Amino acid sequence: MKRFYSLLLLPMALLTGCRASPQINVLGSFFPAWMLSIGIGVVGTLLLRRLFVRTRLEPHLGLVPLVYFCLWVLLTLACWLVFFRV
């Protein structure tokens, strides 16, 4: 029975070093930082799409949905690393 309890306590001992995710205060409400990172990634992707259309680069991108999805992921993760590196 002691072995059973020790197996139950092992995950709790390993999780003691975890920290809470960063939070941002927006008008008195706390939002997780990843939500802001996703929003910045979406806005950045939309702005870059406008730039690609104006410079007539968009027809040469190949698989356009895949390119924009990868660009969104890149901008989201870059924002997370720059602003919220924990």
PDB file of N, CA and C in Angstrom:
ATOM      1  N   MET A   1       0.822  -1.197   0.000  1.00  0.00           N
ATOM      2  CA  MET A   1       0.000   0.000   0.000  1.00  0.00           C
ATOM      3  C   MET A   1       0.868   1.264   0.000  1.00  0.00           C
ATOM      4  N   LYS A   2       2.009   1.187   0.689  1.00  0.00           N
ATOM      5  CA  LYS A   2       2.907   2.346   0.708  1.00  0.00           C
ATOM      6  C   LYS A   2       3.446   2.640  -0.686  1.00  0.00           C
ATOM      7  N   ARG A   3       3.677   1.596  -1.440  1.00  0.00           N
ATOM      8  CA  ARG A   3       4.175   1.792  -2.802  1.00  0.00           C
ATOM      9  C   ARG A   3       3.122   2.514  -3.652  1.00  0.00           C
ATOM     10  N   PHE A   4       1.866   2.201  -3.454  1.00  0.00           N
ATOM     11  CA  PHE A   4       0.780   2.861  -4.179  1.00  0.00           C
ATOM     12  C   PHE A   4       0.733   4.353  -3.848  1.00  0.00           C
ATOM     13  N   TYR A   5       0.844   4.690  -2.568  1.00  0.00           N
ATOM     14  CA  TYR A   5       0.818   6.105  -2.171  1.00  0.00           C
ATOM     15  C   TYR A   5       2.047   6.847  -2.668  1.00  0.00           C
ATOM     16  N   SER A   6       3.178   6.186  -2.681  1.00  0.00           N
ATOM     17  CA  SER A   6       4.380   6.853  -3.180  1.00  0.00           C
ATOM     18  C   SER A   6       4.263   7.123  -4.676  1.00  0.00           C
ATOM     19  N   LEU A   7       3.604   6.248  -5.412  1.00  0.00           N
ATOM     20  CA  LEU A   7       3.374   6.504  -6.837  1.00  0.00           C
ATOM     21  C   LEU A   7       2.407   7.656  -7.050  1.00  0.00           C
ATOM     22  N   LEU A   8       1.480   7.838  -6.146  1.00  0.00           N
ATOM     23  CA  LEU A   8       0.553   8.973  -6.260  1.00  0.00           C
ATOM     24  C   LEU A   8       1.230  10.293  -5.913  1.00  0.00           C
ATOM     25  N   LEU A   9       2.171  10.274  -5.008  1.00  0.00           N
ATOM     26  CA  LEU A   9       2.841  11.500  -4.585  1.00  0.00           C
ATOM     27  C   LEU A   9       3.972  11.908  -5.516  1.00  0.00           C
ATOM     28  N   LEU A  10       4.480  11.005  -6.316  1.00  0.00           N
ATOM     29  CA  LEU A  10       5.586  11.306  -7.208  1.00  0.00           C
ATOM     30  C   LEU A  10       5.258  12.423  -8.207  1.00  0.00           C
ATOM     31  N   PRO A  11       4.108  12.422  -8.897  1.00  0.00           N
ATOM     32  CA  PRO A  11       3.817  13.530  -9.814  1.00  0.00           C
ATOM     33  C   PRO A  11       3.726  14.880  -9.107  1.00  0.00           C
ATOM     34  N   MET A  12       3.204  14.909  -7.890  1.00  0.00           N
ATOM     35  CA  MET A  12       3.115  16.179  -7.166  1.00  0.00           C
ATOM     36  C   MET A  12       4.497  16.698  -6.822  1.00  0.00           C
ATOM     37  N   ALA A  13       5.429  15.824  -6.505  1.00  0.00           N
ATOM     38  CA  ALA A  13       6.787  16.246  -6.190  1.00  0.00           C
ATOM     39  C   ALA A  13       7.489  16.790  -7.426  1.00  0.00           C
ATOM     40  N   LEU A  14       7.178  16.258  -8.591  1.00  0.00           N
ATOM     41  CA  LEU A  14       7.814  16.716  -9.820  1.00  0.00           C
ATOM     42  C   LEU A  14       7.225  18.025 -10.330  1.00  0.00           C
ATOM     43  N   LEU A  15       6.020  18.353  -9.935  1.00  0.00           N
ATOM     44  CA  LEU A  15       5.373  19.571 -10.404  1.00  0.00           C
ATOM     45  C   LEU A  15       5.587  20.768  -9.485  1.00  0.00           C
ATOM     46  N   THR A  16       6.404  20.661  -8.502  1.00  0.00           N
ATOM     47  CA  THR A  16       6.570  21.767  -7.561  1.00  0.00           C
ATOM     48  C   THR A  16       7.309  22.941  -8.166  1.00  0.00           C
ATOM     49  N   GLY A  17       8.063  22.731  -9.227  1.00  0.00           N
ATOM     50  CA  GLY A  17       8.823  23.820  -9.835  1.00  0.00           C
ATOM     51  C   GLY A  17       8.052  24.594 -10.875  1.00  0.00           C
ATOM     52  N   CYS A  18       6.844  24.227 -11.170  1.00  0.00           N
ATOM     53  CA  CYS A  18       6.073  24.907 -12.200  1.00  0.00           C
ATOM     54  C   CYS A  18       5.603  26.265 -11.700  1.00  0.00           C
ATOM     55  N   ARG A  19       5.627  27.228 -12.611  1.00  0.00           N
ATOM     56  CA  ARG A  19       5.131  28.562 -12.287  1.00  0.00           C
ATOM     57  C   ARG A  19       3.817  28.818 -13.021  1.00  0.00           C
ATOM     58  N   ALA A  20       3.111  29.797 -12.547  1.00  0.00           N
ATOM     59  CA  ALA A  20       1.874  30.178 -13.225  1.00  0.00           C
ATOM     60  C   ALA A  20       2.220  30.928 -14.507  1.00  0.00           C
ATOM     61  N   SER A  21       1.327  30.894 -15.470  1.00  0.00           N
ATOM     62  CA  SER A  21       1.590  31.596 -16.721  1.00  0.00           C
ATOM     63  C   SER A  21       1.510  33.098 -16.499  1.00  0.00           C
ATOM     64  N   PRO A  22       2.253  33.882 -17.299  1.00  0.00           N
ATOM     65  CA  PRO A  22       2.192  35.335 -17.143  1.00  0.00           C
ATOM     66  C   PRO A  22       0.800  35.861 -17.469  1.00  0.00           C
ATOM     67  N   GLN A  23       0.385  36.849 -16.713  1.00  0.00           N
ATOM     68  CA  GLN A  23      -0.922  37.448 -16.932  1.00  0.00           C
ATOM     69  C   GLN A  23      -0.762  38.943 -17.152  1.00  0.00           C
ATOM     70  N   ILE A  24      -1.694  39.505 -17.912  1.00  0.00           N
ATOM     71  CA  ILE A  24      -1.671  40.919 -18.250  1.00  0.00           C
ATOM     72  C   ILE A  24      -2.937  41.556 -17.710  1.00  0.00           C
ATOM     73  N   ASN A  25      -2.811  42.699 -17.078  1.00  0.00           N
ATOM     74  CA  ASN A  25      -3.958  43.425 -16.556  1.00  0.00           C
ATOM     75  C   ASN A  25      -4.487  44.342 -17.658  1.00  0.00           C
ATOM     76  N   VAL A  26      -5.701  44.071 -18.121  1.00  0.00           N
ATOM     77  CA  VAL A  26      -6.347  44.887 -19.149  1.00  0.00           C
ATOM     78  C   VAL A  26      -7.644  45.414 -18.566  1.00  0.00           C
ATOM     79  N   LEU A  27      -7.674  46.680 -18.230  1.00  0.00           N
ATOM     80  CA  LEU A  27      -8.844  47.344 -17.668  1.00  0.00           C
ATOM     81  C   LEU A  27      -9.401  46.601 -16.455  1.00  0.00           C
ATOM     82  N   GLY A  28      -8.527  46.114 -15.606  1.00  0.00           N
ATOM     83  CA  GLY A  28      -8.940  45.465 -14.381  1.00  0.00           C
ATOM     84  C   GLY A  28      -9.169  43.973 -14.484  1.00  0.00           C
ATOM     85  N   SER A  29      -9.120  43.421 -15.695  1.00  0.00           N
ATOM     86  CA  SER A  29      -9.275  41.975 -15.874  1.00  0.00           C
ATOM     87  C   SER A  29      -7.933  41.376 -16.264  1.00  0.00           C
ATOM     88  N   PHE A  30      -7.651  40.222 -15.732  1.00  0.00           N
ATOM     89  CA  PHE A  30      -6.394  39.562 -16.039  1.00  0.00           C
ATOM     90  C   PHE A  30      -6.604  38.567 -17.171  1.00  0.00           C
ATOM     91  N   PHE A  31      -5.774  38.689 -18.211  1.00  0.00           N
ATOM     92  CA  PHE A  31      -5.811  37.793 -19.355  1.00  0.00           C
ATOM     93  C   PHE A  31      -4.487  37.062 -19.442  1.00  0.00           C
ATOM     94  N   PRO A  32      -4.507  35.809 -19.885  1.00  0.00           N
ATOM     95  CA  PRO A  32      -3.241  35.108 -20.094  1.00  0.00           C
ATOM     96  C   PRO A  32      -2.442  35.780 -21.213  1.00  0.00           C
ATOM     97  N   ALA A  33      -1.138  35.767 -21.080  1.00  0.00           N
ATOM     98  CA  ALA A  33      -0.282  36.441 -22.053  1.00  0.00           C
ATOM     99  C   ALA A  33      -0.347  35.776 -23.424  1.00  0.00           C
ATOM    100  N   TRP A  34      -0.656  34.490 -23.471  1.00  0.00           N
ATOM    101  CA  TRP A  34      -0.706  33.830 -24.768  1.00  0.00           C
ATOM    102  C   TRP A  34      -1.840  34.373 -25.623  1.00  0.00           C
ATOM    103  N   MET A  35      -2.897  34.883 -24.999  1.00  0.00           N
ATOM    104  CA  MET A  35      -3.992  35.466 -25.782  1.00  0.00           C
ATOM    105  C   MET A  35      -3.518  36.735 -26.494  1.00  0.00           C
ATOM    106  N   LEU A  36      -2.734  37.543 -25.808  1.00  0.00           N
ATOM    107  CA  LEU A  36      -2.189  38.742 -26.433  1.00  0.00           C
ATOM    108  C   LEU A  36      -1.214  38.365 -27.546  1.00  0.00           C
ATOM    109  N   SER A  37      -0.419  37.341 -27.332  1.00  0.00           N
ATOM    110  CA  SER A  37       0.530  36.904 -28.358  1.00  0.00           C
ATOM    111  C   SER A  37      -0.199  36.432 -29.615  1.00  0.00           C
ATOM    112  N   ILE A  38      -1.279  35.701 -29.444  1.00  0.00           N
ATOM    113  CA  ILE A  38      -2.055  35.245 -30.599  1.00  0.00           C
ATOM    114  C   ILE A  38      -2.660  36.440 -31.334  1.00  0.00           C
ATOM    115  N   GLY A  39      -3.179  37.401 -30.595  1.00  0.00           N
ATOM    116  CA  GLY A  39      -3.747  38.593 -31.234  1.00  0.00           C
ATOM    117  C   GLY A  39      -2.707  39.385 -32.017  1.00  0.00           C
ATOM    118  N   ILE A  40      -1.526  39.536 -31.456  1.00  0.00           N
ATOM    119  CA  ILE A  40      -0.452  40.240 -32.162  1.00  0.00           C
ATOM    120  C   ILE A  40      -0.039  39.459 -33.406  1.00  0.00           C
ATOM    121  N   GLY A  41      -0.016  38.126 -33.305  1.00  0.00           N
ATOM    122  CA  GLY A  41       0.311  37.303 -34.470  1.00  0.00           C
ATOM    123  C   GLY A  41      -0.710  37.448 -35.581  1.00  0.00           C
ATOM    124  N   VAL A  42      -1.979  37.503 -35.230  1.00  0.00           N
ATOM    125  CA  VAL A  42      -3.041  37.659 -36.241  1.00  0.00           C
ATOM    126  C   VAL A  42      -2.955  39.029 -36.901  1.00  0.00           C
ATOM    127  N   VAL A  43      -2.803  40.074 -36.100  1.00  0.00           N
ATOM    128  CA  VAL A  43      -2.722  41.432 -36.654  1.00  0.00           C
ATOM    129  C   VAL A  43      -1.476  41.578 -37.525  1.00  0.00           C
ATOM    130  N   GLY A  44      -0.358  41.031 -37.066  1.00  0.00           N
ATOM    131  CA  GLY A  44       0.868  41.092 -37.864  1.00  0.00           C
ATOM    132  C   GLY A  44       0.736  40.354 -39.183  1.00  0.00           C
ATOM    133  N   THR A  45       0.069  39.209 -39.171  1.00  0.00           N
ATOM    134  CA  THR A  45      -0.142  38.448 -40.403  1.00  0.00           C
ATOM    135  C   THR A  45      -1.045  39.216 -41.364  1.00  0.00           C
ATOM    136  N   LEU A  46      -2.079  39.854 -40.846  1.00  0.00           N
ATOM    137  CA  LEU A  46      -2.962  40.642 -41.719  1.00  0.00           C
ATOM    138  C   LEU A  46      -2.227  41.829 -42.328  1.00  0.00           C
ATOM    139  N   LEU A  47      -1.373  42.481 -41.547  1.00  0.00           N
ATOM    140  CA  LEU A  47      -0.602  43.606 -42.086  1.00  0.00           C
ATOM    141  C   LEU A  47       0.402  43.141 -43.142  1.00  0.00           C
ATOM    142  N   LEU A  48       1.043  41.999 -42.893  1.00  0.00           N
ATOM    143  CA  LEU A  48       1.980  41.477 -43.889  1.00  0.00           C
ATOM    144  C   LEU A  48       1.259  41.003 -45.149  1.00  0.00           C
ATOM    145  N   ARG A  49       0.035  40.518 -45.003  1.00  0.00           N
ATOM    146  CA  ARG A  49      -0.737  40.140 -46.191  1.00  0.00           C
ATOM    147  C   ARG A  49      -1.015  41.355 -47.062  1.00  0.00           C
ATOM    148  N   ARG A  50      -1.378  42.467 -46.424  1.00  0.00           N
ATOM    149  CA  ARG A  50      -1.610  43.701 -47.190  1.00  0.00           C
ATOM    150  C   ARG A  50      -0.343  44.136 -47.915  1.00  0.00           C
ATOM    151  N   LEU A  51       0.800  43.976 -47.239  1.00  0.00           N
ATOM    152  CA  LEU A  51       2.077  44.321 -47.857  1.00  0.00           C
ATOM    153  C   LEU A  51       2.368  43.402 -49.049  1.00  0.00           C
ATOM    154  N   PHE A  52       2.086  42.109 -48.901  1.00  0.00           N
ATOM    155  CA  PHE A  52       2.311  41.171 -49.992  1.00  0.00           C
ATOM    156  C   PHE A  52       1.415  41.466 -51.184  1.00  0.00           C
ATOM    157  N   VAL A  53       0.170  41.866 -50.937  1.00  0.00           N
ATOM    158  CA  VAL A  53      -0.752  42.172 -52.023  1.00  0.00           C
ATOM    159  C   VAL A  53      -0.307  43.445 -52.746  1.00  0.00           C
ATOM    160  N   ARG A  54       0.105  44.462 -51.988  1.00  0.00           N
ATOM    161  CA  ARG A  54       0.507  45.726 -52.617  1.00  0.00           C
ATOM    162  C   ARG A  54       1.796  45.588 -53.423  1.00  0.00           C
ATOM    163  N   THR A  55       2.685  44.742 -52.974  1.00  0.00           N
ATOM    164  CA  THR A  55       3.940  44.545 -53.710  1.00  0.00           C
ATOM    165  C   THR A  55       3.821  43.451 -54.769  1.00  0.00           C
ATOM    166  N   ARG A  56       2.617  42.904 -54.964  1.00  0.00           N
ATOM    167  CA  ARG A  56       2.311  41.861 -55.946  1.00  0.00           C
ATOM    168  C   ARG A  56       3.172  40.610 -55.731  1.00  0.00           C
ATOM    169  N   LEU A  57       3.411  40.295 -54.479  1.00  0.00           N
ATOM    170  CA  LEU A  57       4.188  39.121 -54.122  1.00  0.00           C
ATOM    171  C   LEU A  57       3.302  37.914 -53.812  1.00  0.00           C
ATOM    172  N   GLU A  58       2.039  38.159 -53.484  1.00  0.00           N
ATOM    173  CA  GLU A  58       1.153  37.079 -53.051  1.00  0.00           C
ATOM    174  C   GLU A  58       0.951  35.980 -54.094  1.00  0.00           C
ATOM    175  N   PRO A  59       0.823  36.279 -55.383  1.00  0.00           N
ATOM    176  CA  PRO A  59       0.646  35.176 -56.344  1.00  0.00           C
ATOM    177  C   PRO A  59       1.849  34.235 -56.420  1.00  0.00           C
ATOM    178  N   HIS A  60       2.995  34.650 -55.949  1.00  0.00           N
ATOM    179  CA  HIS A  60       4.206  33.841 -56.036  1.00  0.00           C
ATOM    180  C   HIS A  60       4.490  33.056 -54.758  1.00  0.00           C
ATOM    181  N   LEU A  61       3.578  33.076 -53.799  1.00  0.00           N
ATOM    182  CA  LEU A  61       3.834  32.429 -52.515  1.00  0.00           C
ATOM    183  C   LEU A  61       3.636  30.921 -52.530  1.00  0.00           C
ATOM    184  N   GLY A  62       2.959  30.372 -53.485  1.00  0.00           N
ATOM    185  CA  GLY A  62       2.727  28.923 -53.512  1.00  0.00           C
ATOM    186  C   GLY A  62       1.436  28.584 -52.786  1.00  0.00           C
ATOM    187  N   LEU A  63       1.516  27.741 -51.771  1.00  0.00           N
ATOM    188  CA  LEU A  63       0.336  27.378 -50.978  1.00  0.00           C
ATOM    189  C   LEU A  63       0.033  28.516 -49.999  1.00  0.00           C
ATOM    190  N   VAL A  64      -0.820  29.410 -50.421  1.00  0.00           N
ATOM    191  CA  VAL A  64      -1.074  30.634 -49.661  1.00  0.00           C
ATOM    192  C   VAL A  64      -1.597  30.364 -48.251  1.00  0.00           C
ATOM    193  N   PRO A  65      -2.573  29.468 -48.036  1.00  0.00           N
ATOM    194  CA  PRO A  65      -3.022  29.229 -46.651  1.00  0.00           C
ATOM    195  C   PRO A  65      -1.913  28.689 -45.749  1.00  0.00           C
ATOM    196  N   LEU A  66      -1.077  27.828 -46.288  1.00  0.00           N
ATOM    197  CA  LEU A  66       0.031  27.290 -45.495  1.00  0.00           C
ATOM    198  C   LEU A  66       1.049  28.370 -45.163  1.00  0.00           C
ATOM    199  N   VAL A  67       1.325  29.246 -46.108  1.00  0.00           N
ATOM    200  CA  VAL A  67       2.284  30.333 -45.879  1.00  0.00           C
ATOM    201  C   VAL A  67       1.772  31.270 -44.794  1.00  0.00           C
ATOM    202  N   TYR A  68       0.505  31.629 -44.859  1.00  0.00           N
ATOM    203  CA  TYR A  68      -0.037  32.550 -43.860  1.00  0.00           C
ATOM    204  C   TYR A  68      -0.168  31.889 -42.485  1.00  0.00           C
ATOM    205  N   PHE A  69      -0.481  30.596 -42.465  1.00  0.00           N
ATOM    206  CA  PHE A  69      -0.530  29.891 -41.181  1.00  0.00           C
ATOM    207  C   PHE A  69       0.863  29.857 -40.542  1.00  0.00           C
ATOM    208  N   CYS A  70       1.867  29.534 -41.322  1.00  0.00           N
ATOM    209  CA  CYS A  70       3.235  29.501 -40.786  1.00  0.00           C
ATOM    210  C   CYS A  70       3.705  30.891 -40.368  1.00  0.00           C
ATOM    211  N   LEU A  71       3.308  31.895 -41.107  1.00  0.00           N
ATOM    212  CA  LEU A  71       3.662  33.268 -40.738  1.00  0.00           C
ATOM    213  C   LEU A  71       2.990  33.658 -39.426  1.00  0.00           C
ATOM    214  N   TRP A  72       1.736  33.256 -39.244  1.00  0.00           N
ATOM    215  CA  TRP A  72       1.032  33.527 -37.988  1.00  0.00           C
ATOM    216  C   TRP A  72       1.713  32.844 -36.812  1.00  0.00           C
ATOM    217  N   VAL A  73       2.083  31.574 -36.989  1.00  0.00           N
ATOM    218  CA  VAL A  73       2.772  30.843 -35.917  1.00  0.00           C
ATOM    219  C   VAL A  73       4.104  31.508 -35.608  1.00  0.00           C
ATOM    220  N   LEU A  74       4.841  31.902 -36.633  1.00  0.00           N
ATOM    221  CA  LEU A  74       6.129  32.557 -36.427  1.00  0.00           C
ATOM    222  C   LEU A  74       5.982  33.849 -35.637  1.00  0.00           C
ATOM    223  N   LEU A  75       5.037  34.683 -36.019  1.00  0.00           N
ATOM    224  CA  LEU A  75       4.845  35.953 -35.320  1.00  0.00           C
ATOM    225  C   LEU A  75       4.340  35.748 -33.894  1.00  0.00           C
ATOM    226  N   THR A  76       3.466  34.785 -33.690  1.00  0.00           N
ATOM    227  CA  THR A  76       2.945  34.506 -32.349  1.00  0.00           C
ATOM    228  C   THR A  76       4.048  34.036 -31.416  1.00  0.00           C
ATOM    229  N   LEU A  77       4.842  33.086 -31.857  1.00  0.00           N
ATOM    230  CA  LEU A  77       5.906  32.558 -31.006  1.00  0.00           C
ATOM    231  C   LEU A  77       7.025  33.573 -30.799  1.00  0.00           C
ATOM    232  N   ALA A  78       7.309  34.383 -31.820  1.00  0.00           N
ATOM    233  CA  ALA A  78       8.315  35.431 -31.659  1.00  0.00           C
ATOM    234  C   ALA A  78       7.852  36.472 -30.644  1.00  0.00           C
ATOM    235  N   CYS A  79       6.580  36.837 -30.691  1.00  0.00           N
ATOM    236  CA  CYS A  79       6.030  37.780 -29.713  1.00  0.00           C
ATOM    237  C   CYS A  79       6.128  37.203 -28.307  1.00  0.00           C
ATOM    238  N   TRP A  80       5.805  35.930 -28.169  1.00  0.00           N
ATOM    239  CA  TRP A  80       5.880  35.287 -26.857  1.00  0.00           C
ATOM    240  C   TRP A  80       7.310  35.319 -26.324  1.00  0.00           C
ATOM    241  N   LEU A  81       8.279  35.010 -27.187  1.00  0.00           N
ATOM    242  CA  LEU A  81       9.675  34.976 -26.743  1.00  0.00           C
ATOM    243  C   LEU A  81      10.206  36.366 -26.400  1.00  0.00           C
ATOM    244  N   VAL A  82       9.817  37.353 -27.180  1.00  0.00           N
ATOM    245  CA  VAL A  82      10.346  38.702 -26.957  1.00  0.00           C
ATOM    246  C   VAL A  82       9.743  39.342 -25.714  1.00  0.00           C
ATOM    247  N   PHE A  83       8.439  39.233 -25.549  1.00  0.00           N
ATOM    248  CA  PHE A  83       7.777  39.961 -24.473  1.00  0.00           C
ATOM    249  C   PHE A  83       7.560  39.156 -23.195  1.00  0.00           C
ATOM    250  N   PHE A  84       7.367  37.846 -23.299  1.00  0.00           N
ATOM    251  CA  PHE A  84       6.931  37.077 -22.130  1.00  0.00           C
ATOM    252  C   PHE A  84       7.859  35.914 -21.801  1.00  0.00           C
ATOM    253  N   ARG A  85       9.113  36.008 -22.146  1.00  0.00           N
ATOM    254  CA  ARG A  85      10.034  34.922 -21.820  1.00  0.00           C
ATOM    255  C   ARG A  85      10.122  34.774 -20.311  1.00  0.00           C
ATOM    256  N   VAL A  86       9.820  33.591 -19.855  1.00  0.00           N
ATOM    257  CA  VAL A  86       9.765  33.349 -18.407  1.00  0.00           C
ATOM    258  C   VAL A  86      10.983  32.588 -17.966  1.00  0.00           C
TER     259      VAL A  86
END
